[in-house]
PDB file of N, CA and C in Angstrom:
ATOM      1  N   MET A   1      16.494  22.055 -11.576  1.00  0.00           N
ATOM      2  CA  MET A   1      15.778  21.751 -10.361  1.00  0.00           C
ATOM      3  C   MET A   1      15.607  20.235 -10.211  1.00  0.00           C
ATOM      4  N   LEU A   2      15.332  19.573 -11.317  1.00  0.00           N
ATOM      5  CA  LEU A   2      15.151  18.126 -11.219  1.00  0.00           C
ATOM      6  C   LEU A   2      16.457  17.418 -10.878  1.00  0.00           C
ATOM      7  N   ARG A   3      17.571  17.936 -11.369  1.00  0.00           N
ATOM      8  CA  ARG A   3      18.867  17.344 -11.005  1.00  0.00           C
ATOM      9  C   ARG A   3      19.135  17.522  -9.518  1.00  0.00           C
ATOM     10  N   LEU A   4      18.784  18.687  -8.989  1.00  0.00           N
ATOM     11  CA  LEU A   4      18.963  18.939  -7.568  1.00  0.00           C
ATOM     12  C   LEU A   4      18.108  17.991  -6.726  1.00  0.00           C
ATOM     13  N   LEU A   5      16.852  17.820  -7.115  1.00  0.00           N
ATOM     14  CA  LEU A   5      15.977  16.897  -6.389  1.00  0.00           C
ATOM     15  C   LEU A   5      16.451  15.455  -6.534  1.00  0.00           C
ATOM     16  N   ASN A   6      16.956  15.109  -7.724  1.00  0.00           N
ATOM     17  CA  ASN A   6      17.472  13.762  -7.936  1.00  0.00           C
ATOM     18  C   ASN A   6      18.697  13.503  -7.071  1.00  0.00           C
ATOM     19  N   GLY A   7      19.604  14.470  -7.010  1.00  0.00           N
ATOM     20  CA  GLY A   7      20.795  14.315  -6.166  1.00  0.00           C
ATOM     21  C   GLY A   7      20.437  14.243  -4.690  1.00  0.00           C
ATOM     22  N   ALA A   8      19.476  15.064  -4.272  1.00  0.00           N
ATOM     23  CA  ALA A   8      19.031  15.020  -2.874  1.00  0.00           C
ATOM     24  C   ALA A   8      18.391  13.673  -2.557  1.00  0.00           C
ATOM     25  N   ALA A   9      17.600  13.157  -3.482  1.00  0.00           N
ATOM     26  CA  ALA A   9      16.949  11.858  -3.248  1.00  0.00           C
ATOM     27  C   ALA A   9      17.975  10.743  -3.115  1.00  0.00           C
ATOM     28  N   ARG A  10      19.012  10.777  -3.948  1.00  0.00           N
ATOM     29  CA  ARG A  10      20.043   9.736  -3.853  1.00  0.00           C
ATOM     30  C   ARG A  10      20.852   9.852  -2.566  1.00  0.00           C
ATOM     31  N   ARG A  11      21.124  11.092  -2.123  1.00  0.00           N
ATOM     32  CA  ARG A  11      21.879  11.261  -0.872  1.00  0.00           C
ATOM     33  C   ARG A  11      21.033  10.925   0.355  1.00  0.00           C
ATOM     34  N   LEU A  12      19.722  11.162   0.284  1.00  0.00           N
ATOM     35  CA  LEU A  12      18.848  10.911   1.422  1.00  0.00           C
ATOM     36  C   LEU A  12      18.345   9.474   1.489  1.00  0.00           C
ATOM     37  N   GLN A  13      18.566   8.698   0.450  1.00  0.00           N
ATOM     38  CA  GLN A  13      18.081   7.312   0.406  1.00  0.00           C
ATOM     39  C   GLN A  13      18.527   6.478   1.617  1.00  0.00           C
ATOM     40  N   PRO A  14      19.790   6.554   2.067  1.00  0.00           N
ATOM     41  CA  PRO A  14      20.179   5.747   3.230  1.00  0.00           C
ATOM     42  C   PRO A  14      19.490   6.183   4.534  1.00  0.00           C
ATOM     43  N   LEU A  15      18.975   7.404   4.578  1.00  0.00           N
ATOM     44  CA  LEU A  15      18.325   7.906   5.787  1.00  0.00           C
ATOM     45  C   LEU A  15      16.823   7.641   5.827  1.00  0.00           C
ATOM     46  N   ARG A  16      16.325   6.894   4.878  1.00  0.00           N
ATOM     47  CA  ARG A  16      14.893   6.620   4.804  1.00  0.00           C
ATOM     48  C   ARG A  16      14.339   5.989   6.090  1.00  0.00           C
ATOM     49  N   PRO A  17      14.995   5.001   6.708  1.00  0.00           N
ATOM     50  CA  PRO A  17      14.450   4.457   7.965  1.00  0.00           C
ATOM     51  C   PRO A  17      14.400   5.496   9.086  1.00  0.00           C
ATOM     52  N   VAL A  18      15.361   6.410   9.114  1.00  0.00           N
ATOM     53  CA  VAL A  18      15.349   7.464  10.131  1.00  0.00           C
ATOM     54  C   VAL A  18      14.133   8.356   9.939  1.00  0.00           C
ATOM     55  N   PHE A  19      13.800   8.669   8.693  1.00  0.00           N
ATOM     56  CA  PHE A  19      12.628   9.499   8.424  1.00  0.00           C
ATOM     57  C   PHE A  19      11.344   8.800   8.856  1.00  0.00           C
ATOM     58  N   TRP A  20      11.274   7.476   8.654  1.00  0.00           N
ATOM     59  CA  TRP A  20      10.093   6.733   9.083  1.00  0.00           C
ATOM     60  C   TRP A  20       9.968   6.740  10.605  1.00  0.00           C
ATOM     61  N   VAL A  21      11.091   6.592  11.306  1.00  0.00           N
ATOM     62  CA  VAL A  21      11.061   6.620  12.774  1.00  0.00           C
ATOM     63  C   VAL A  21      10.652   8.007  13.268  1.00  0.00           C
ATOM     64  N   LEU A  22      11.202   9.059  12.660  1.00  0.00           N
ATOM     65  CA  LEU A  22      10.809  10.416  13.026  1.00  0.00           C
ATOM     66  C   LEU A  22       9.332  10.664  12.764  1.00  0.00           C
ATOM     67  N   LEU A  23       8.843  10.161  11.660  1.00  0.00           N
ATOM     68  CA  LEU A  23       7.426  10.319  11.335  1.00  0.00           C
ATOM     69  C   LEU A  23       6.545   9.629  12.364  1.00  0.00           C
ATOM     70  N   ALA A  24       6.874   8.389  12.685  1.00  0.00           N
ATOM     71  CA  ALA A  24       6.075   7.650  13.676  1.00  0.00           C
ATOM     72  C   ALA A  24       6.161   8.318  15.044  1.00  0.00           C
ATOM     73  N   GLY A  25       7.350   8.720  15.453  1.00  0.00           N
ATOM     74  CA  GLY A  25       7.508   9.368  16.751  1.00  0.00           C
ATOM     75  C   GLY A  25       6.766  10.683  16.851  1.00  0.00           C
ATOM     76  N   SER A  26       6.809  11.460  15.784  1.00  0.00           N
ATOM     77  CA  SER A  26       6.114  12.745  15.825  1.00  0.00           C
ATOM     78  C   SER A  26       4.599  12.562  15.809  1.00  0.00           C
ATOM     79  N   ILE A  27       4.108  11.565  15.100  1.00  0.00           N
ATOM     80  CA  ILE A  27       2.664  11.302  15.108  1.00  0.00           C
ATOM     81  C   ILE A  27       2.218  10.827  16.483  1.00  0.00           C
ATOM     82  N   ILE A  28       2.990   9.943  17.096  1.00  0.00           N
ATOM     83  CA  ILE A  28       2.646   9.463  18.438  1.00  0.00           C
ATOM     84  C   ILE A  28       2.725  10.602  19.445  1.00  0.00           C
ATOM     85  N   GLY A  29       3.773  11.418  19.369  1.00  0.00           N
ATOM     86  CA  GLY A  29       3.899  12.554  20.281  1.00  0.00           C
ATOM     87  C   GLY A  29       2.772  13.553  20.111  1.00  0.00           C
ATOM     88  N   PHE A  30       2.398  13.839  18.867  1.00  0.00           N
ATOM     89  CA  PHE A  30       1.297  14.763  18.611  1.00  0.00           C
ATOM     90  C   PHE A  30      -0.011  14.208  19.153  1.00  0.00           C
ATOM     91  N   ALA A  31      -0.227  12.905  18.946  1.00  0.00           N
ATOM     92  CA  ALA A  31      -1.454  12.286  19.450  1.00  0.00           C
ATOM     93  C   ALA A  31      -1.501  12.335  20.974  1.00  0.00           C
ATOM     94  N   LEU A  32      -0.381  12.078  21.629  1.00  0.00           N
ATOM     95  CA  LEU A  32      -0.355  12.126  23.092  1.00  0.00           C
ATOM     96  C   LEU A  32      -0.621  13.538  23.611  1.00  0.00           C
ATOM     97  N   ILE A  33      -0.080  14.531  22.936  1.00  0.00           N
ATOM     98  CA  ILE A  33      -0.280  15.911  23.383  1.00  0.00           C
ATOM     99  C   ILE A  33      -1.716  16.347  23.136  1.00  0.00           C
ATOM    100  N   VAL A  34      -2.263  16.024  21.976  1.00  0.00           N
ATOM    101  CA  VAL A  34      -3.624  16.453  21.644  1.00  0.00           C
ATOM    102  C   VAL A  34      -4.661  15.708  22.477  1.00  0.00           C
ATOM    103  N   LEU A  35      -4.449  14.431  22.706  1.00  0.00           N
ATOM    104  CA  LEU A  35      -5.416  13.655  23.479  1.00  0.00           C
ATOM    105  C   LEU A  35      -5.314  13.908  24.974  1.00  0.00           C
ATOM    106  N   GLY A  36      -4.321  14.662  25.390  1.00  0.00           N
ATOM    107  CA  GLY A  36      -4.243  15.074  26.787  1.00  0.00           C
ATOM    108  C   GLY A  36      -3.482  14.141  27.696  1.00  0.00           C
ATOM    109  N   ALA A  37      -2.831  13.133  27.168  1.00  0.00           N
ATOM    110  CA  ALA A  37      -2.081  12.222  28.026  1.00  0.00           C
ATOM    111  C   ALA A  37      -0.836  12.906  28.576  1.00  0.00           C
ATOM    112  N   ALA A  38      -0.329  13.863  27.866  1.00  0.00           N
ATOM    113  CA  ALA A  38       0.850  14.592  28.325  1.00  0.00           C
ATOM    114  C   ALA A  38       0.456  16.048  28.552  1.00  0.00           C
ATOM    115  N   SER A  39       0.814  16.576  29.685  1.00  0.00           N
ATOM    116  CA  SER A  39       0.468  17.969  29.984  1.00  0.00           C
ATOM    117  C   SER A  39       1.621  18.864  29.528  1.00  0.00           C
ATOM    118  N   MET A  40       1.587  19.228  28.263  1.00  0.00           N
ATOM    119  CA  MET A  40       2.628  20.067  27.685  1.00  0.00           C
ATOM    120  C   MET A  40       1.951  21.222  26.963  1.00  0.00           C
ATOM    121  N   SER A  41       2.731  22.208  26.618  1.00  0.00           N
ATOM    122  CA  SER A  41       2.176  23.376  25.941  1.00  0.00           C
ATOM    123  C   SER A  41       1.929  23.087  24.469  1.00  0.00           C
ATOM    124  N   ASP A  42       1.262  24.033  23.832  1.00  0.00           N
ATOM    125  CA  ASP A  42       0.950  23.873  22.422  1.00  0.00           C
ATOM    126  C   ASP A  42       2.187  23.943  21.533  1.00  0.00           C
ATOM    127  N   SER A  43       3.252  24.567  22.019  1.00  0.00           N
ATOM    128  CA  SER A  43       4.458  24.663  21.189  1.00  0.00           C
ATOM    129  C   SER A  43       5.059  23.286  20.934  1.00  0.00           C
ATOM    130  N   TYR A  44       4.897  22.354  21.871  1.00  0.00           N
ATOM    131  CA  TYR A  44       5.381  20.995  21.634  1.00  0.00           C
ATOM    132  C   TYR A  44       4.523  20.278  20.598  1.00  0.00           C
ATOM    133  N   ALA A  45       3.241  20.588  20.572  1.00  0.00           N
ATOM    134  CA  ALA A  45       2.376  20.008  19.540  1.00  0.00           C
ATOM    135  C   ALA A  45       2.787  20.524  18.169  1.00  0.00           C
ATOM    136  N   ILE A  46       3.114  21.815  18.095  1.00  0.00           N
ATOM    137  CA  ILE A  46       3.566  22.379  16.828  1.00  0.00           C
ATOM    138  C   ILE A  46       4.915  21.781  16.439  1.00  0.00           C
ATOM    139  N   LEU A  47       5.774  21.549  17.430  1.00  0.00           N
ATOM    140  CA  LEU A  47       7.063  20.908  17.151  1.00  0.00           C
ATOM    141  C   LEU A  47       6.860  19.516  16.563  1.00  0.00           C
ATOM    142  N   CYS A  48       5.961  18.741  17.134  1.00  0.00           N
ATOM    143  CA  CYS A  48       5.669  17.403  16.600  1.00  0.00           C
ATOM    144  C   CYS A  48       5.089  17.501  15.194  1.00  0.00           C
ATOM    145  N   LEU A  49       4.248  18.497  14.968  1.00  0.00           N
ATOM    146  CA  LEU A  49       3.663  18.681  13.649  1.00  0.00           C
ATOM    147  C   LEU A  49       4.732  19.047  12.618  1.00  0.00           C
ATOM    148  N   VAL A  50       5.657  19.912  12.987  1.00  0.00           N
ATOM    149  CA  VAL A  50       6.724  20.304  12.063  1.00  0.00           C
ATOM    150  C   VAL A  50       7.656  19.118  11.780  1.00  0.00           C
ATOM    151  N   LEU A  51       7.979  18.322  12.799  1.00  0.00           N
ATOM    152  CA  LEU A  51       8.792  17.123  12.562  1.00  0.00           C
ATOM    153  C   LEU A  51       8.083  16.151  11.625  1.00  0.00           C
ATOM    154  N   CYS A  52       6.786  16.025  11.792  1.00  0.00           N
ATOM    155  CA  CYS A  52       5.999  15.163  10.909  1.00  0.00           C
ATOM    156  C   CYS A  52       6.038  15.690   9.475  1.00  0.00           C
ATOM    157  N   LEU A  53       5.872  16.999   9.314  1.00  0.00           N
ATOM    158  CA  LEU A  53       5.898  17.587   7.981  1.00  0.00           C
ATOM    159  C   LEU A  53       7.260  17.429   7.315  1.00  0.00           C
ATOM    160  N   TRP A  54       8.347  17.650   8.074  1.00  0.00           N
ATOM    161  CA  TRP A  54       9.691  17.505   7.517  1.00  0.00           C
ATOM    162  C   TRP A  54       9.951  16.065   7.090  1.00  0.00           C
ATOM    163  N   SER A  55       9.599  15.119   7.961  1.00  0.00           N
ATOM    164  CA  SER A  55       9.875  13.724   7.612  1.00  0.00           C
ATOM    165  C   SER A  55       9.043  13.283   6.413  1.00  0.00           C
ATOM    166  N   MET A  56       7.774  13.728   6.343  1.00  0.00           N
ATOM    167  CA  MET A  56       6.957  13.365   5.184  1.00  0.00           C
ATOM    168  C   MET A  56       7.479  14.004   3.908  1.00  0.00           C
ATOM    169  N   SER A  57       7.890  15.265   3.979  1.00  0.00           N
ATOM    170  CA  SER A  57       8.376  15.916   2.759  1.00  0.00           C
ATOM    171  C   SER A  57       9.683  15.292   2.275  1.00  0.00           C
ATOM    172  N   LEU A  58      10.554  14.910   3.187  1.00  0.00           N
ATOM    173  CA  LEU A  58      11.801  14.256   2.776  1.00  0.00           C
ATOM    174  C   LEU A  58      11.537  12.851   2.239  1.00  0.00           C
ATOM    175  N   LEU A  59      10.561  12.159   2.812  1.00  0.00           N
ATOM    176  CA  LEU A  59      10.192  10.848   2.264  1.00  0.00           C
ATOM    177  C   LEU A  59       9.610  10.984   0.860  1.00  0.00           C
ATOM    178  N   VAL A  60       8.866  12.043   0.614  1.00  0.00           N
ATOM    179  CA  VAL A  60       8.321  12.271  -0.734  1.00  0.00           C
ATOM    180  C   VAL A  60       9.446  12.533  -1.723  1.00  0.00           C
ATOM    181  N   VAL A  61      10.442  13.320  -1.323  1.00  0.00           N
ATOM    182  CA  VAL A  61      11.584  13.584  -2.213  1.00  0.00           C
ATOM    183  C   VAL A  61      12.315  12.285  -2.530  1.00  0.00           C
ATOM    184  N   VAL A  62      12.540  11.462  -1.520  1.00  0.00           N
ATOM    185  CA  VAL A  62      13.255  10.196  -1.736  1.00  0.00           C
ATOM    186  C   VAL A  62      12.431   9.262  -2.618  1.00  0.00           C
ATOM    187  N   ALA A  63      11.113   9.257  -2.448  1.00  0.00           N
ATOM    188  CA  ALA A  63      10.277   8.329  -3.206  1.00  0.00           C
ATOM    189  C   ALA A  63      10.030   8.782  -4.643  1.00  0.00           C
ATOM    190  N   CYS A  64       9.934  10.086  -4.870  1.00  0.00           N
ATOM    191  CA  CYS A  64       9.528  10.574  -6.193  1.00  0.00           C
ATOM    192  C   CYS A  64      10.679  10.855  -7.151  1.00  0.00           C
ATOM    193  N   PHE A  65      11.886  11.073  -6.649  1.00  0.00           N
ATOM    194  CA  PHE A  65      12.973  11.500  -7.531  1.00  0.00           C
ATOM    195  C   PHE A  65      14.217  10.623  -7.416  1.00  0.00           C
ATOM    196  N   PRO A  66      14.076   9.294  -7.403  1.00  0.00           N
ATOM    197  CA  PRO A  66      15.275   8.463  -7.246  1.00  0.00           C
ATOM    198  C   PRO A  66      16.074   8.251  -8.528  1.00  0.00           C
ATOM    199  N   ARG A  67      15.491   8.505  -9.694  1.00  0.00           N
ATOM    200  CA  ARG A  67      16.199   8.217 -10.945  1.00  0.00           C
ATOM    201  C   ARG A  67      16.040   9.392 -11.919  1.00  0.00           C
ATOM    202  N   GLN A  68      16.917   9.421 -12.915  1.00  0.00           N
ATOM    203  CA  GLN A  68      16.897  10.472 -13.925  1.00  0.00           C
ATOM    204  C   GLN A  68      15.704  10.289 -14.861  1.00  0.00           C
ATOM    205  N   LEU A  69      15.299  11.366 -15.476  1.00  0.00           N
ATOM    206  CA  LEU A  69      14.212  11.302 -16.447  1.00  0.00           C
ATOM    207  C   LEU A  69      14.695  10.658 -17.738  1.00  0.00           C
ATOM    208  N   PRO A  70      13.788  10.016 -18.470  1.00  0.00           N
ATOM    209  CA  PRO A  70      14.208   9.409 -19.738  1.00  0.00           C
ATOM    210  C   PRO A  70      14.552  10.475 -20.770  1.00  0.00           C
ATOM    211  N   GLU A  71      15.596  10.221 -21.537  1.00  0.00           N
ATOM    212  CA  GLU A  71      16.017  11.136 -22.603  1.00  0.00           C
ATOM    213  C   GLU A  71      15.093  10.969 -23.807  1.00  0.00           C
ATOM    214  N   ILE A  72      14.868  12.068 -24.503  1.00  0.00           N
ATOM    215  CA  ILE A  72      14.016  12.047 -25.687  1.00  0.00           C
ATOM    216  C   ILE A  72      14.926  12.130 -26.916  1.00  0.00           C
ATOM    217  N   TYR A  73      14.818  11.118 -27.776  1.00  0.00           N
ATOM    218  CA  TYR A  73      15.643  11.051 -28.980  1.00  0.00           C
ATOM    219  C   TYR A  73      14.757  11.250 -30.207  1.00  0.00           C
ATOM    220  N   GLY A  74      15.325  11.836 -31.232  1.00  0.00           N
ATOM    221  CA  GLY A  74      14.573  12.097 -32.459  1.00  0.00           C
ATOM    222  C   GLY A  74      14.200  10.845 -33.230  1.00  0.00           C
ATOM    223  N   ASP A  75      14.960   9.775 -33.074  1.00  0.00           N
ATOM    224  CA  ASP A  75      14.672   8.564 -33.833  1.00  0.00           C
ATOM    225  C   ASP A  75      13.658   7.656 -33.131  1.00  0.00           C
ATOM    226  N   ASP A  76      13.183   8.068 -31.944  1.00  0.00           N
ATOM    227  CA  ASP A  76      12.122   7.308 -31.277  1.00  0.00           C
ATOM    228  C   ASP A  76      10.810   7.502 -32.032  1.00  0.00           C
ATOM    229  N   GLY A  77       9.909   6.581 -31.845  1.00  0.00           N
ATOM    230  CA  GLY A  77       8.601   6.697 -32.473  1.00  0.00           C
ATOM    231  C   GLY A  77       7.773   7.806 -31.823  1.00  0.00           C
ATOM    232  N   VAL A  78       6.668   8.144 -32.472  1.00  0.00           N
ATOM    233  CA  VAL A  78       5.811   9.227 -31.987  1.00  0.00           C
ATOM    234  C   VAL A  78       5.259   8.897 -30.607  1.00  0.00           C
ATOM    235  N   TRP A  79       4.767   7.686 -30.424  1.00  0.00           N
ATOM    236  CA  TRP A  79       4.147   7.313 -29.151  1.00  0.00           C
ATOM    237  C   TRP A  79       5.181   7.210 -28.028  1.00  0.00           C
ATOM    238  N   VAL A  80       6.380   6.779 -28.369  1.00  0.00           N
ATOM    239  CA  VAL A  80       7.445   6.697 -27.364  1.00  0.00           C
ATOM    240  C   VAL A  80       7.836   8.096 -26.906  1.00  0.00           C
ATOM    241  N   ARG A  81       7.970   9.014 -27.881  1.00  0.00           N
ATOM    242  CA  ARG A  81       8.300  10.402 -27.511  1.00  0.00           C
ATOM    243  C   ARG A  81       7.175  11.041 -26.713  1.00  0.00           C
ATOM    244  N   LEU A  82       5.932  10.764 -27.106  1.00  0.00           N
ATOM    245  CA  LEU A  82       4.785  11.315 -26.372  1.00  0.00           C
ATOM    246  C   LEU A  82       4.760  10.799 -24.938  1.00  0.00           C
ATOM    247  N   ARG A  83       5.027   9.509 -24.780  1.00  0.00           N
ATOM    248  CA  ARG A  83       5.058   8.926 -23.438  1.00  0.00           C
ATOM    249  C   ARG A  83       6.157   9.558 -22.598  1.00  0.00           C
ATOM    250  N   LYS A  84       7.316   9.789 -23.191  1.00  0.00           N
ATOM    251  CA  LYS A  84       8.421  10.409 -22.459  1.00  0.00           C
ATOM    252  C   LYS A  84       8.105  11.865 -22.109  1.00  0.00           C
ATOM    253  N   HIS A  85       7.459  12.584 -23.021  1.00  0.00           N
ATOM    254  CA  HIS A  85       7.070  13.965 -22.736  1.00  0.00           C
ATOM    255  C   HIS A  85       6.051  14.029 -21.592  1.00  0.00           C
ATOM    256  N   VAL A  86       5.098  13.132 -21.608  1.00  0.00           N
ATOM    257  CA  VAL A  86       4.099  13.104 -20.535  1.00  0.00           C
ATOM    258  C   VAL A  86       4.754  12.754 -19.203  1.00  0.00           C
ATOM    259  N   ALA A  87       5.678  11.811 -19.215  1.00  0.00           N
ATOM    260  CA  ALA A  87       6.385  11.442 -17.982  1.00  0.00           C
ATOM    261  C   ALA A  87       7.207  12.612 -17.457  1.00  0.00           C
ATOM    262  N   ARG A  88       7.872  13.318 -18.353  1.00  0.00           N
ATOM    263  CA  ARG A  88       8.667  14.474 -17.935  1.00  0.00           C
ATOM    264  C   ARG A  88       7.772  15.586 -17.406  1.00  0.00           C
ATOM    265  N   GLY A  89       6.647  15.831 -18.063  1.00  0.00           N
ATOM    266  CA  GLY A  89       5.718  16.866 -17.605  1.00  0.00           C
ATOM    267  C   GLY A  89       5.143  16.550 -16.240  1.00  0.00           C
ATOM    268  N   PHE A  90       4.778  15.295 -16.027  1.00  0.00           N
ATOM    269  CA  PHE A  90       4.248  14.902 -14.726  1.00  0.00           C
ATOM    270  C   PHE A  90       5.318  15.027 -13.644  1.00  0.00           C
ATOM    271  N   THR A  91       6.549  14.680 -13.971  1.00  0.00           N
ATOM    272  CA  THR A  91       7.640  14.799 -13.007  1.00  0.00           C
ATOM    273  C   THR A  91       7.886  16.261 -12.659  1.00  0.00           C
ATOM    274  N   TRP A  92       7.812  17.148 -13.651  1.00  0.00           N
ATOM    275  CA  TRP A  92       7.960  18.581 -13.372  1.00  0.00           C
ATOM    276  C   TRP A  92       6.832  19.081 -12.478  1.00  0.00           C
ATOM    277  N   LEU A  93       5.619  18.613 -12.729  1.00  0.00           N
ATOM    278  CA  LEU A  93       4.480  19.012 -11.892  1.00  0.00           C
ATOM    279  C   LEU A  93       4.681  18.562 -10.455  1.00  0.00           C
ATOM    280  N   VAL A  94       5.109  17.331 -10.263  1.00  0.00           N
ATOM    281  CA  VAL A  94       5.381  16.814  -8.921  1.00  0.00           C
ATOM    282  C   VAL A  94       6.521  17.590  -8.271  1.00  0.00           C
ATOM    283  N   ALA A  95       7.524  17.946  -9.050  1.00  0.00           N
ATOM    284  CA  ALA A  95       8.656  18.711  -8.514  1.00  0.00           C
ATOM    285  C   ALA A  95       8.222  20.092  -8.047  1.00  0.00           C
ATOM    286  N   ILE A  96       7.390  20.761  -8.824  1.00  0.00           N
ATOM    287  CA  ILE A  96       6.920  22.095  -8.432  1.00  0.00           C
ATOM    288  C   ILE A  96       6.075  22.017  -7.169  1.00  0.00           C
ATOM    289  N   VAL A  97       5.180  21.046  -7.101  1.00  0.00           N
ATOM    290  CA  VAL A  97       4.352  20.887  -5.896  1.00  0.00           C
ATOM    291  C   VAL A  97       5.222  20.540  -4.692  1.00  0.00           C
ATOM    292  N   THR A  98       6.224  19.694  -4.883  1.00  0.00           N
ATOM    293  CA  THR A  98       7.120  19.319  -3.787  1.00  0.00           C
ATOM    294  C   THR A  98       7.901  20.526  -3.281  1.00  0.00           C
ATOM    295  N   VAL A  99       8.389  21.344  -4.185  1.00  0.00           N
ATOM    296  CA  VAL A  99       9.138  22.535  -3.769  1.00  0.00           C
ATOM    297  C   VAL A  99       8.226  23.498  -3.027  1.00  0.00           C
ATOM    298  N   LEU A 100       7.001  23.687  -3.495  1.00  0.00           N
ATOM    299  CA  LEU A 100       6.061  24.577  -2.803  1.00  0.00           C
ATOM    300  C   LEU A 100       5.715  24.060  -1.413  1.00  0.00           C
ATOM    301  N   VAL A 101       5.516  22.761  -1.295  1.00  0.00           N
ATOM    302  CA  VAL A 101       5.234  22.178   0.024  1.00  0.00           C
ATOM    303  C   VAL A 101       6.438  22.330   0.943  1.00  0.00           C
ATOM    304  N   ASN A 102       7.636  22.125   0.413  1.00  0.00           N
ATOM    305  CA  ASN A 102       8.837  22.297   1.234  1.00  0.00           C
ATOM    306  C   ASN A 102       9.015  23.748   1.664  1.00  0.00           C
ATOM    307  N   LEU A 103       8.655  24.706   0.814  1.00  0.00           N
ATOM    308  CA  LEU A 103       8.694  26.110   1.220  1.00  0.00           C
ATOM    309  C   LEU A 103       7.698  26.384   2.341  1.00  0.00           C
ATOM    310  N   ALA A 104       6.521  25.780   2.266  1.00  0.00           N
ATOM    311  CA  ALA A 104       5.537  25.928   3.342  1.00  0.00           C
ATOM    312  C   ALA A 104       6.056  25.323   4.644  1.00  0.00           C
ATOM    313  N   VAL A 105       6.741  24.199   4.550  1.00  0.00           N
ATOM    314  CA  VAL A 105       7.319  23.571   5.740  1.00  0.00           C
ATOM    315  C   VAL A 105       8.419  24.453   6.325  1.00  0.00           C
ATOM    316  N   ILE A 106       9.219  25.081   5.466  1.00  0.00           N
ATOM    317  CA  ILE A 106      10.265  25.988   5.950  1.00  0.00           C
ATOM    318  C   ILE A 106       9.642  27.181   6.659  1.00  0.00           C
ATOM    319  N   MET A 107       8.571  27.745   6.092  1.00  0.00           N
ATOM    320  CA  MET A 107       7.904  28.870   6.748  1.00  0.00           C
ATOM    321  C   MET A 107       7.307  28.444   8.085  1.00  0.00           C
ATOM    322  N   THR A 108       6.748  27.244   8.153  1.00  0.00           N
ATOM    323  CA  THR A 108       6.208  26.732   9.412  1.00  0.00           C
ATOM    324  C   THR A 108       7.316  26.528  10.433  1.00  0.00           C
ATOM    325  N   THR A 109       8.482  26.099   9.968  1.00  0.00           N
ATOM    326  CA  THR A 109       9.621  25.926  10.866  1.00  0.00           C
ATOM    327  C   THR A 109      10.063  27.264  11.441  1.00  0.00           C
ATOM    328  N   PHE A 110      10.109  28.296  10.597  1.00  0.00           N
ATOM    329  CA  PHE A 110      10.457  29.629  11.103  1.00  0.00           C
ATOM    330  C   PHE A 110       9.406  30.125  12.096  1.00  0.00           C
ATOM    331  N   ARG A 111       8.156  29.836  11.822  1.00  0.00           N
ATOM    332  CA  ARG A 111       7.079  30.217  12.745  1.00  0.00           C
ATOM    333  C   ARG A 111       7.263  29.505  14.084  1.00  0.00           C
ATOM    334  N   LEU A 112       7.608  28.226  14.040  1.00  0.00           N
ATOM    335  CA  LEU A 112       7.856  27.476  15.274  1.00  0.00           C
ATOM    336  C   LEU A 112       9.025  28.059  16.030  1.00  0.00           C
ATOM    337  N   GLY A 113      10.088  28.442  15.317  1.00  0.00           N
ATOM    338  CA  GLY A 113      11.227  29.070  15.963  1.00  0.00           C
ATOM    339  C   GLY A 113      10.832  30.341  16.688  1.00  0.00           C
ATOM    340  N   GLY A 114       9.955  31.144  16.056  1.00  0.00           N
ATOM    341  CA  GLY A 114       9.464  32.363  16.696  1.00  0.00           C
ATOM    342  C   GLY A 114       8.643  32.058  17.932  1.00  0.00           C
ATOM    343  N   ILE A 115       7.842  31.010  17.873  1.00  0.00           N
ATOM    344  CA  ILE A 115       7.014  30.628  19.026  1.00  0.00           C
ATOM    345  C   ILE A 115       7.900  30.149  20.171  1.00  0.00           C
ATOM    346  N   LEU A 116       8.888  29.306  19.849  1.00  0.00           N
ATOM    347  CA  LEU A 116       9.773  28.785  20.900  1.00  0.00           C
ATOM    348  C   LEU A 116      10.633  29.884  21.515  1.00  0.00           C
ATOM    349  N   VAL A 117      11.161  30.778  20.683  1.00  0.00           N
ATOM    350  CA  VAL A 117      11.973  31.870  21.217  1.00  0.00           C
ATOM    351  C   VAL A 117      11.094  32.823  22.037  1.00  0.00           C
ATOM    352  N   GLY A 118       9.892  33.090  21.568  1.00  0.00           N
ATOM    353  CA  GLY A 118       8.976  33.936  22.340  1.00  0.00           C
ATOM    354  C   GLY A 118       8.616  33.315  23.676  1.00  0.00           C
ATOM    355  N   GLY A 119       8.459  31.994  23.701  1.00  0.00           N
ATOM    356  CA  GLY A 119       8.158  31.298  24.948  1.00  0.00           C
ATOM    357  C   GLY A 119       9.328  31.316  25.912  1.00  0.00           C
ATOM    358  N   LEU A 120      10.544  31.269  25.371  1.00  0.00           N
ATOM    359  CA  LEU A 120      11.718  31.307  26.231  1.00  0.00           C
ATOM    360  C   LEU A 120      11.954  32.706  26.805  1.00  0.00           C
ATOM    361  N   LEU A 121      11.580  33.726  26.057  1.00  0.00           N
ATOM    362  CA  LEU A 121      11.807  35.084  26.523  1.00  0.00           C
ATOM    363  C   LEU A 121      10.771  35.521  27.569  1.00  0.00           C
ATOM    364  N   ASN A 122       9.624  34.896  27.561  1.00  0.00           N
ATOM    365  CA  ASN A 122       8.578  35.286  28.541  1.00  0.00           C
ATOM    366  C   ASN A 122       8.756  34.644  29.855  1.00  0.00           C
TER     367      ASN A 122
END
């Protein structure tokens, strides 16, 4: 799983400015819809929210997993191995939380798809 996240982070690195623009645009669009400056339906607010969630989650992947974890060697000292184990454990914890958040974003995206398709059919 960490190799997959590492590979995704390296491939998504050049798209980092696009994610920042999407994040800013979705926040501005959401603010305009919620504050009432734009007379649009709630599905557009959810669309802006989902775009914000996607851009933030992809930025987290790019920021947290850009490099490989340090290898643990038997000839390292006790404190060096302990430090590497703690770093690996923390990285695994961040990876699990990131995957769970991305699953929540995927479920929200499917929910948005249902809302948009339901709105088009009515």
